[in-house]
């Protein structure tokens, strides 16, 4: 039995996709863990015994029990409120930035960064600017060159050929 060949995992999806799937199902896994804890209590275990079986802290077990007693199953879901930092730009400033962007032409990340810094006196990192643009409903596309000698109906001529 020492020469037994180990099975290898077939990598059907990329590791980043796998991590995203795990994160998406993490909340459900947390609730499932709480439900197992409650089931131990239903089966006659004490809180001390149940926390040892679940390998969690005693205070966590009491908190889960309190959540269950207060609101049942629905109360076991995490209560995430306003996660993350607040945006430096207010909603009014976002609207004003969008108006500025509509009136500007040939925008790029650096130019939008300069506009935000000049108009609102807020210095975002350059890596944050694409996220702001996406929040406003825009997307980035690679620019294309407009030649001065190009005919005005170049697209129509190209489609005909």
N, C-alpha and C. Protein backbone atom coordinates (compact mmCIF):
# COMPACT_ATOMS: atom_id res chain seq x y z
N UNK A 1 0.81 -1.20 0.00
CA UNK A 1 0.00 0.00 0.00
C UNK A 1 0.85 1.27 0.00
N UNK A 2 2.15 1.15 0.23
CA UNK A 2 3.03 2.31 0.28
C UNK A 2 3.21 2.93 -1.09
N UNK A 3 3.09 2.15 -2.15
CA UNK A 3 3.30 2.64 -3.50
C UNK A 3 2.01 3.14 -4.15
N UNK A 4 1.01 3.43 -3.35
CA UNK A 4 -0.28 3.86 -3.87
C UNK A 4 -0.14 5.23 -4.56
N UNK A 5 -0.68 5.34 -5.76
CA UNK A 5 -0.60 6.58 -6.53
C UNK A 5 -1.65 7.56 -6.00
N UNK A 6 -1.21 8.79 -5.76
CA UNK A 6 -2.13 9.83 -5.28
C UNK A 6 -2.92 10.41 -6.44
N UNK A 7 -4.19 10.62 -6.21
CA UNK A 7 -5.03 11.25 -7.23
C UNK A 7 -4.71 12.74 -7.29
N UNK A 8 -4.79 13.29 -8.47
CA UNK A 8 -4.57 14.72 -8.67
C UNK A 8 -5.91 15.39 -8.94
N UNK A 9 -6.02 16.62 -8.51
CA UNK A 9 -7.25 17.36 -8.72
C UNK A 9 -7.27 17.89 -10.16
N UNK A 10 -8.43 17.77 -10.79
CA UNK A 10 -8.62 18.32 -12.13
C UNK A 10 -9.01 19.78 -11.97
N UNK A 11 -8.24 20.66 -12.53
CA UNK A 11 -8.48 22.10 -12.38
C UNK A 11 -9.46 22.56 -13.46
N UNK A 12 -10.75 22.45 -13.14
CA UNK A 12 -11.81 22.79 -14.09
C UNK A 12 -11.98 24.30 -14.24
N UNK A 13 -11.69 25.03 -13.18
CA UNK A 13 -11.84 26.49 -13.21
C UNK A 13 -10.57 27.11 -12.65
N UNK A 14 -10.39 28.39 -12.90
CA UNK A 14 -9.21 29.09 -12.40
C UNK A 14 -9.33 29.28 -10.89
N UNK A 15 -8.19 29.45 -10.25
CA UNK A 15 -8.16 29.60 -8.80
C UNK A 15 -8.91 30.86 -8.36
N UNK A 16 -8.84 31.95 -9.13
CA UNK A 16 -9.55 33.18 -8.78
C UNK A 16 -11.06 32.96 -8.80
N UNK A 17 -11.53 32.19 -9.79
CA UNK A 17 -12.97 31.88 -9.87
C UNK A 17 -13.38 31.02 -8.69
N UNK A 18 -12.52 30.06 -8.31
CA UNK A 18 -12.79 29.20 -7.16
C UNK A 18 -12.90 30.03 -5.88
N UNK A 19 -12.01 30.99 -5.72
CA UNK A 19 -12.05 31.86 -4.54
C UNK A 19 -13.31 32.71 -4.52
N UNK A 20 -13.74 33.19 -5.69
CA UNK A 20 -14.98 33.97 -5.75
C UNK A 20 -16.19 33.12 -5.35
N UNK A 21 -16.21 31.86 -5.82
CA UNK A 21 -17.31 30.95 -5.46
C UNK A 21 -17.32 30.69 -3.96
N UNK A 22 -16.14 30.49 -3.39
CA UNK A 22 -16.06 30.26 -1.94
C UNK A 22 -16.58 31.47 -1.19
N UNK A 23 -16.17 32.66 -1.60
CA UNK A 23 -16.63 33.88 -0.92
C UNK A 23 -18.14 34.05 -1.04
N UNK A 24 -18.70 33.69 -2.21
CA UNK A 24 -20.14 33.84 -2.41
C UNK A 24 -20.93 32.92 -1.47
N UNK A 25 -20.40 31.73 -1.20
CA UNK A 25 -21.10 30.76 -0.37
C UNK A 25 -20.68 30.82 1.10
N UNK A 26 -19.78 31.72 1.45
CA UNK A 26 -19.28 31.80 2.81
C UNK A 26 -20.39 32.13 3.80
N UNK A 27 -21.27 33.05 3.45
CA UNK A 27 -22.35 33.44 4.35
C UNK A 27 -23.24 32.25 4.65
N UNK A 28 -23.57 31.46 3.64
CA UNK A 28 -24.40 30.29 3.86
C UNK A 28 -23.70 29.28 4.75
N UNK A 29 -22.38 29.15 4.58
CA UNK A 29 -21.61 28.22 5.41
C UNK A 29 -21.62 28.67 6.87
N UNK A 30 -21.55 29.96 7.09
CA UNK A 30 -21.58 30.49 8.47
C UNK A 30 -22.92 30.18 9.13
N UNK A 31 -24.00 30.34 8.38
CA UNK A 31 -25.33 30.03 8.92
C UNK A 31 -25.44 28.54 9.19
N UNK A 32 -24.92 27.72 8.30
CA UNK A 32 -24.97 26.27 8.48
C UNK A 32 -24.24 25.86 9.76
N UNK A 33 -23.10 26.47 10.01
CA UNK A 33 -22.34 26.17 11.22
C UNK A 33 -23.15 26.52 12.47
N UNK A 34 -23.86 27.64 12.42
CA UNK A 34 -24.70 28.03 13.55
C UNK A 34 -25.85 27.05 13.74
N UNK A 35 -26.40 26.57 12.63
CA UNK A 35 -27.49 25.60 12.70
C UNK A 35 -27.02 24.27 13.30
N UNK A 36 -25.82 23.84 12.96
CA UNK A 36 -25.26 22.63 13.60
C UNK A 36 -25.14 22.83 15.11
N UNK A 37 -24.70 24.01 15.50
CA UNK A 37 -24.58 24.32 16.93
C UNK A 37 -25.94 24.23 17.62
N UNK A 38 -26.95 24.81 17.00
CA UNK A 38 -28.31 24.78 17.57
C UNK A 38 -28.82 23.34 17.62
N UNK A 39 -28.49 22.54 16.61
CA UNK A 39 -28.92 21.14 16.61
C UNK A 39 -28.30 20.37 17.79
N UNK A 40 -27.05 20.65 18.09
CA UNK A 40 -26.43 20.03 19.28
C UNK A 40 -27.23 20.37 20.53
N UNK A 41 -27.67 21.63 20.62
CA UNK A 41 -28.46 22.05 21.79
C UNK A 41 -29.83 21.36 21.80
N UNK A 42 -30.44 21.22 20.61
CA UNK A 42 -31.71 20.50 20.51
C UNK A 42 -31.57 19.06 20.97
N UNK A 43 -30.41 18.46 20.70
CA UNK A 43 -30.18 17.06 21.05
C UNK A 43 -29.74 16.88 22.51
N UNK A 44 -29.83 17.93 23.29
CA UNK A 44 -29.58 17.80 24.72
C UNK A 44 -28.20 18.19 25.20
N UNK A 45 -27.33 18.63 24.32
CA UNK A 45 -26.00 19.06 24.74
C UNK A 45 -26.10 20.40 25.46
N UNK A 46 -25.18 20.64 26.37
CA UNK A 46 -25.10 21.94 27.02
C UNK A 46 -24.32 22.87 26.11
N UNK A 47 -24.35 24.17 26.39
CA UNK A 47 -23.61 25.13 25.59
C UNK A 47 -22.11 24.81 25.66
N UNK A 48 -21.62 24.46 26.85
CA UNK A 48 -20.20 24.12 27.00
C UNK A 48 -19.81 22.94 26.12
N UNK A 49 -20.65 21.90 26.09
CA UNK A 49 -20.35 20.73 25.27
C UNK A 49 -20.42 21.07 23.78
N UNK A 50 -21.42 21.86 23.40
CA UNK A 50 -21.61 22.21 22.00
C UNK A 50 -20.45 23.06 21.47
N UNK A 51 -19.95 24.01 22.28
CA UNK A 51 -18.85 24.85 21.81
C UNK A 51 -17.57 24.03 21.67
N UNK A 52 -17.39 23.02 22.53
CA UNK A 52 -16.21 22.16 22.38
C UNK A 52 -16.31 21.33 21.11
N UNK A 53 -17.50 20.82 20.81
CA UNK A 53 -17.69 20.03 19.59
C UNK A 53 -17.51 20.90 18.33
N UNK A 54 -17.97 22.12 18.40
CA UNK A 54 -17.88 23.02 17.25
C UNK A 54 -16.52 23.73 17.16
N UNK A 55 -15.74 23.63 18.23
CA UNK A 55 -14.44 24.29 18.31
C UNK A 55 -14.56 25.79 18.12
N UNK A 56 -15.46 26.38 18.91
CA UNK A 56 -15.65 27.83 18.91
C UNK A 56 -15.53 28.32 20.35
N UNK A 57 -15.44 29.62 20.52
CA UNK A 57 -15.33 30.20 21.85
C UNK A 57 -16.68 30.12 22.57
N UNK A 58 -16.62 30.06 23.87
CA UNK A 58 -17.85 29.99 24.68
C UNK A 58 -18.71 31.23 24.47
N UNK A 59 -18.07 32.40 24.38
CA UNK A 59 -18.83 33.64 24.16
C UNK A 59 -19.55 33.61 22.81
N UNK A 60 -18.92 33.02 21.79
CA UNK A 60 -19.55 32.89 20.47
C UNK A 60 -20.77 31.99 20.56
N UNK A 61 -20.65 30.88 21.27
CA UNK A 61 -21.78 29.97 21.44
C UNK A 61 -22.96 30.64 22.12
N UNK A 62 -22.67 31.42 23.16
CA UNK A 62 -23.76 32.13 23.86
C UNK A 62 -24.39 33.19 22.96
N UNK A 63 -23.55 33.87 22.15
CA UNK A 63 -24.09 34.87 21.23
C UNK A 63 -25.00 34.22 20.20
N UNK A 64 -24.58 33.06 19.64
CA UNK A 64 -25.40 32.35 18.66
C UNK A 64 -26.71 31.89 19.29
N UNK A 65 -26.66 31.42 20.52
CA UNK A 65 -27.87 30.98 21.21
C UNK A 65 -28.81 32.16 21.44
N UNK A 66 -28.25 33.30 21.83
CA UNK A 66 -29.07 34.50 22.02
C UNK A 66 -29.73 34.93 20.72
N UNK A 67 -28.97 34.89 19.60
CA UNK A 67 -29.52 35.25 18.30
C UNK A 67 -30.67 34.31 17.94
N UNK A 68 -30.49 33.02 18.19
CA UNK A 68 -31.53 32.03 17.89
C UNK A 68 -32.77 32.28 18.73
N UNK A 69 -32.58 32.53 20.03
CA UNK A 69 -33.71 32.73 20.94
C UNK A 69 -34.46 34.02 20.63
N UNK A 70 -33.76 35.03 20.12
CA UNK A 70 -34.41 36.31 19.83
C UNK A 70 -35.19 36.29 18.52
N UNK A 71 -34.64 35.61 17.48
CA UNK A 71 -35.31 35.72 16.19
C UNK A 71 -35.33 34.45 15.37
N UNK A 72 -34.86 33.34 15.91
CA UNK A 72 -34.90 32.08 15.17
C UNK A 72 -33.93 32.06 14.01
N UNK A 73 -34.29 31.28 13.00
CA UNK A 73 -33.42 31.03 11.85
C UNK A 73 -32.98 32.31 11.15
N UNK A 74 -33.90 33.23 10.88
CA UNK A 74 -33.58 34.46 10.14
C UNK A 74 -32.55 35.30 10.88
N UNK A 75 -32.54 35.20 12.19
CA UNK A 75 -31.63 36.02 12.99
C UNK A 75 -30.20 35.47 12.98
N UNK A 76 -29.98 34.28 12.42
CA UNK A 76 -28.64 33.71 12.36
C UNK A 76 -27.82 34.29 11.21
N UNK A 77 -28.48 34.94 10.24
CA UNK A 77 -27.74 35.53 9.13
C UNK A 77 -26.95 36.73 9.63
N UNK A 78 -25.75 36.94 9.08
CA UNK A 78 -24.93 38.09 9.50
C UNK A 78 -25.65 39.39 9.21
N UNK A 79 -25.43 40.36 10.05
CA UNK A 79 -26.07 41.66 9.90
C UNK A 79 -25.03 42.69 9.48
N UNK A 80 -24.65 42.62 8.20
CA UNK A 80 -23.66 43.56 7.70
C UNK A 80 -24.36 44.87 7.38
N UNK A 81 -23.84 45.94 7.94
CA UNK A 81 -24.42 47.25 7.68
C UNK A 81 -23.32 48.18 7.18
N UNK A 82 -23.59 48.83 6.07
CA UNK A 82 -22.70 49.85 5.55
C UNK A 82 -21.24 49.43 5.59
N UNK A 83 -20.96 48.28 5.03
CA UNK A 83 -19.61 47.77 5.04
C UNK A 83 -18.65 48.66 4.26
N UNK A 84 -17.45 48.75 4.73
CA UNK A 84 -16.42 49.51 4.05
C UNK A 84 -16.40 50.98 4.44
N UNK A 85 -15.43 51.65 3.89
CA UNK A 85 -15.28 53.08 4.16
C UNK A 85 -16.32 53.89 3.40
N UNK A 86 -16.60 55.07 3.93
CA UNK A 86 -17.48 55.98 3.21
C UNK A 86 -16.70 56.62 2.08
N UNK A 87 -17.40 56.91 1.01
CA UNK A 87 -16.76 57.52 -0.15
C UNK A 87 -16.33 58.94 0.20
N UNK A 88 -15.20 59.35 -0.36
CA UNK A 88 -14.72 60.71 -0.13
C UNK A 88 -15.60 61.72 -0.87
N UNK A 89 -16.10 61.32 -2.04
CA UNK A 89 -16.99 62.18 -2.81
C UNK A 89 -18.43 61.95 -2.36
N UNK A 90 -19.17 63.02 -2.15
CA UNK A 90 -20.58 62.90 -1.79
C UNK A 90 -21.38 62.60 -3.06
N UNK A 91 -22.66 62.30 -2.89
CA UNK A 91 -23.52 62.02 -4.04
C UNK A 91 -23.62 63.24 -4.96
N UNK A 92 -23.70 64.43 -4.36
CA UNK A 92 -23.77 65.65 -5.17
C UNK A 92 -22.49 65.84 -5.98
N UNK A 93 -21.35 65.53 -5.34
CA UNK A 93 -20.08 65.65 -6.04
C UNK A 93 -19.96 64.62 -7.17
N UNK A 94 -20.51 63.42 -6.95
CA UNK A 94 -20.53 62.41 -8.01
C UNK A 94 -21.34 62.92 -9.20
N UNK A 95 -22.49 63.56 -8.92
CA UNK A 95 -23.33 64.08 -10.00
C UNK A 95 -22.60 65.19 -10.76
N UNK A 96 -21.92 66.05 -10.01
CA UNK A 96 -21.17 67.14 -10.65
C UNK A 96 -20.03 66.57 -11.49
N UNK A 97 -19.34 65.56 -10.98
CA UNK A 97 -18.26 64.92 -11.74
C UNK A 97 -18.81 64.31 -13.03
N UNK A 98 -19.97 63.70 -12.95
CA UNK A 98 -20.57 63.10 -14.16
C UNK A 98 -20.89 64.17 -15.19
N UNK A 99 -21.40 65.32 -14.73
CA UNK A 99 -21.68 66.42 -15.66
C UNK A 99 -20.39 66.92 -16.33
N UNK A 100 -19.33 67.02 -15.54
CA UNK A 100 -18.04 67.45 -16.08
C UNK A 100 -17.56 66.45 -17.11
N UNK A 101 -17.70 65.16 -16.80
CA UNK A 101 -17.23 64.11 -17.71
C UNK A 101 -18.01 64.11 -19.02
N UNK A 102 -19.29 64.43 -18.95
CA UNK A 102 -20.11 64.48 -20.17
C UNK A 102 -19.62 65.60 -21.08
N UNK A 103 -19.23 66.74 -20.50
CA UNK A 103 -18.81 67.89 -21.29
C UNK A 103 -17.36 67.79 -21.77
N UNK A 104 -16.57 66.92 -21.17
CA UNK A 104 -15.17 66.74 -21.57
C UNK A 104 -15.10 65.69 -22.69
N UNK A 105 -14.03 65.77 -23.46
CA UNK A 105 -13.81 64.74 -24.48
C UNK A 105 -12.44 64.12 -24.28
N UNK A 106 -12.28 62.91 -24.75
CA UNK A 106 -11.03 62.17 -24.67
C UNK A 106 -10.50 62.08 -23.24
N UNK A 107 -11.33 61.54 -22.38
CA UNK A 107 -10.93 61.40 -20.98
C UNK A 107 -10.10 60.13 -20.78
N UNK A 108 -9.18 60.23 -19.87
CA UNK A 108 -8.44 59.05 -19.44
C UNK A 108 -8.32 59.11 -17.91
N UNK A 109 -7.72 58.10 -17.33
CA UNK A 109 -7.64 58.01 -15.87
C UNK A 109 -6.93 59.21 -15.29
N UNK A 110 -5.82 59.58 -15.88
CA UNK A 110 -5.05 60.70 -15.36
C UNK A 110 -5.85 62.01 -15.40
N UNK A 111 -6.57 62.22 -16.49
CA UNK A 111 -7.34 63.45 -16.64
C UNK A 111 -8.49 63.50 -15.63
N UNK A 112 -9.15 62.36 -15.41
CA UNK A 112 -10.24 62.32 -14.41
C UNK A 112 -9.67 62.55 -13.02
N UNK A 113 -8.49 61.99 -12.75
CA UNK A 113 -7.84 62.21 -11.46
C UNK A 113 -7.57 63.69 -11.24
N UNK A 114 -7.08 64.38 -12.27
CA UNK A 114 -6.81 65.81 -12.18
C UNK A 114 -8.09 66.62 -11.97
N UNK A 115 -9.17 66.22 -12.63
CA UNK A 115 -10.45 66.91 -12.47
C UNK A 115 -10.93 66.79 -11.03
N UNK A 116 -10.87 65.59 -10.47
CA UNK A 116 -11.33 65.38 -9.09
C UNK A 116 -10.48 66.20 -8.12
N UNK A 117 -9.18 66.21 -8.35
CA UNK A 117 -8.28 66.94 -7.46
C UNK A 117 -8.53 68.45 -7.56
N UNK A 118 -8.75 68.94 -8.78
CA UNK A 118 -8.95 70.39 -9.00
C UNK A 118 -10.33 70.85 -8.51
N UNK A 119 -11.37 70.11 -8.87
CA UNK A 119 -12.74 70.53 -8.56
C UNK A 119 -13.14 70.30 -7.10
N UNK A 120 -12.71 69.16 -6.55
CA UNK A 120 -13.21 68.76 -5.23
C UNK A 120 -12.12 68.73 -4.15
N UNK A 121 -10.87 68.98 -4.55
CA UNK A 121 -9.74 68.98 -3.63
C UNK A 121 -9.62 67.64 -2.89
N UNK A 122 -9.85 66.55 -3.63
CA UNK A 122 -9.73 65.19 -3.07
C UNK A 122 -8.71 64.44 -3.91
N UNK A 123 -7.73 63.85 -3.23
CA UNK A 123 -6.66 63.16 -3.93
C UNK A 123 -6.84 61.65 -3.80
N UNK A 124 -7.50 61.05 -4.78
CA UNK A 124 -7.64 59.60 -4.84
C UNK A 124 -6.36 59.00 -5.42
N UNK A 125 -6.11 57.74 -5.12
CA UNK A 125 -5.02 57.04 -5.80
C UNK A 125 -5.46 56.74 -7.23
N UNK A 126 -4.48 56.58 -8.10
CA UNK A 126 -4.79 56.33 -9.50
C UNK A 126 -5.54 55.01 -9.69
N UNK A 127 -5.31 54.04 -8.80
CA UNK A 127 -5.98 52.74 -8.93
C UNK A 127 -7.46 52.84 -8.57
N UNK A 128 -7.86 53.89 -7.88
CA UNK A 128 -9.25 54.06 -7.47
C UNK A 128 -10.12 54.68 -8.56
N UNK A 129 -9.52 55.41 -9.47
CA UNK A 129 -10.26 56.15 -10.50
C UNK A 129 -11.11 55.24 -11.38
N UNK A 130 -10.60 54.09 -11.88
CA UNK A 130 -11.48 53.22 -12.69
C UNK A 130 -12.71 52.75 -11.94
N UNK A 131 -12.62 52.55 -10.63
CA UNK A 131 -13.77 52.12 -9.84
C UNK A 131 -14.80 53.24 -9.75
N UNK A 132 -14.33 54.47 -9.64
CA UNK A 132 -15.24 55.62 -9.60
C UNK A 132 -15.96 55.76 -10.94
N UNK A 133 -15.20 55.60 -12.03
CA UNK A 133 -15.78 55.70 -13.37
C UNK A 133 -16.83 54.61 -13.57
N UNK A 134 -16.53 53.40 -13.10
CA UNK A 134 -17.48 52.29 -13.23
C UNK A 134 -18.74 52.56 -12.40
N UNK A 135 -18.56 53.15 -11.22
CA UNK A 135 -19.72 53.47 -10.37
C UNK A 135 -20.64 54.47 -11.06
N UNK A 136 -20.07 55.35 -11.87
CA UNK A 136 -20.87 56.32 -12.61
C UNK A 136 -21.53 55.71 -13.84
N UNK A 137 -21.23 54.45 -14.12
CA UNK A 137 -21.89 53.76 -15.22
C UNK A 137 -21.11 53.78 -16.52
N UNK A 138 -19.87 54.23 -16.48
CA UNK A 138 -19.04 54.26 -17.66
C UNK A 138 -18.10 53.06 -17.68
N UNK A 139 -17.55 52.79 -18.85
CA UNK A 139 -16.56 51.73 -18.96
C UNK A 139 -15.41 52.24 -19.81
N UNK A 140 -14.28 51.59 -19.63
CA UNK A 140 -13.10 51.98 -20.40
C UNK A 140 -13.05 51.21 -21.70
N UNK A 141 -12.66 51.89 -22.73
CA UNK A 141 -12.42 51.25 -24.01
C UNK A 141 -11.15 51.86 -24.57
N UNK A 142 -10.43 51.06 -25.30
CA UNK A 142 -9.20 51.55 -25.89
C UNK A 142 -9.55 52.57 -26.96
N UNK A 143 -8.86 53.69 -26.90
CA UNK A 143 -9.11 54.75 -27.87
C UNK A 143 -8.60 54.36 -29.25
N UNK A 144 -9.15 54.97 -30.25
CA UNK A 144 -8.67 54.72 -31.60
C UNK A 144 -8.28 56.05 -32.22
N UNK A 145 -7.39 55.97 -33.15
CA UNK A 145 -6.80 57.16 -33.75
C UNK A 145 -7.71 57.70 -34.84
N UNK A 146 -7.91 59.02 -34.83
CA UNK A 146 -8.64 59.70 -35.89
C UNK A 146 -7.61 60.43 -36.75
N UNK A 147 -7.48 60.03 -37.97
CA UNK A 147 -6.52 60.66 -38.87
C UNK A 147 -7.15 61.88 -39.52
N UNK A 148 -6.34 62.90 -39.71
CA UNK A 148 -6.87 64.14 -40.30
C UNK A 148 -7.27 63.95 -41.76
N UNK A 149 -6.63 63.00 -42.46
CA UNK A 149 -6.92 62.77 -43.86
C UNK A 149 -8.01 61.72 -44.07
N UNK A 150 -8.57 61.22 -42.98
CA UNK A 150 -9.58 60.18 -43.07
C UNK A 150 -10.90 60.79 -43.56
N UNK A 151 -11.56 60.16 -44.52
CA UNK A 151 -12.85 60.71 -45.00
C UNK A 151 -13.90 60.64 -43.90
N UNK A 152 -14.88 61.54 -43.95
CA UNK A 152 -15.91 61.61 -42.91
C UNK A 152 -16.81 60.38 -42.91
N UNK A 153 -16.93 59.72 -44.05
CA UNK A 153 -17.78 58.53 -44.14
C UNK A 153 -16.93 57.25 -44.18
N UNK A 154 -15.84 57.21 -43.43
CA UNK A 154 -14.90 56.08 -43.44
C UNK A 154 -15.55 54.80 -42.97
N UNK A 155 -16.40 54.86 -41.96
CA UNK A 155 -17.06 53.67 -41.44
C UNK A 155 -17.97 53.04 -42.49
N UNK A 156 -18.68 53.86 -43.24
CA UNK A 156 -19.59 53.36 -44.29
C UNK A 156 -18.79 52.71 -45.41
N UNK A 157 -17.70 53.34 -45.79
CA UNK A 157 -16.84 52.78 -46.83
C UNK A 157 -16.26 51.44 -46.38
N UNK A 158 -15.86 51.36 -45.12
CA UNK A 158 -15.29 50.13 -44.58
C UNK A 158 -16.32 49.00 -44.58
N UNK A 159 -17.56 49.32 -44.20
CA UNK A 159 -18.61 48.31 -44.19
C UNK A 159 -18.94 47.78 -45.60
N UNK A 160 -18.84 48.65 -46.60
CA UNK A 160 -19.13 48.23 -47.97
C UNK A 160 -18.08 47.23 -48.46
N UNK A 161 -16.83 47.41 -48.04
CA UNK A 161 -15.76 46.52 -48.47
C UNK A 161 -15.81 45.29 -47.66
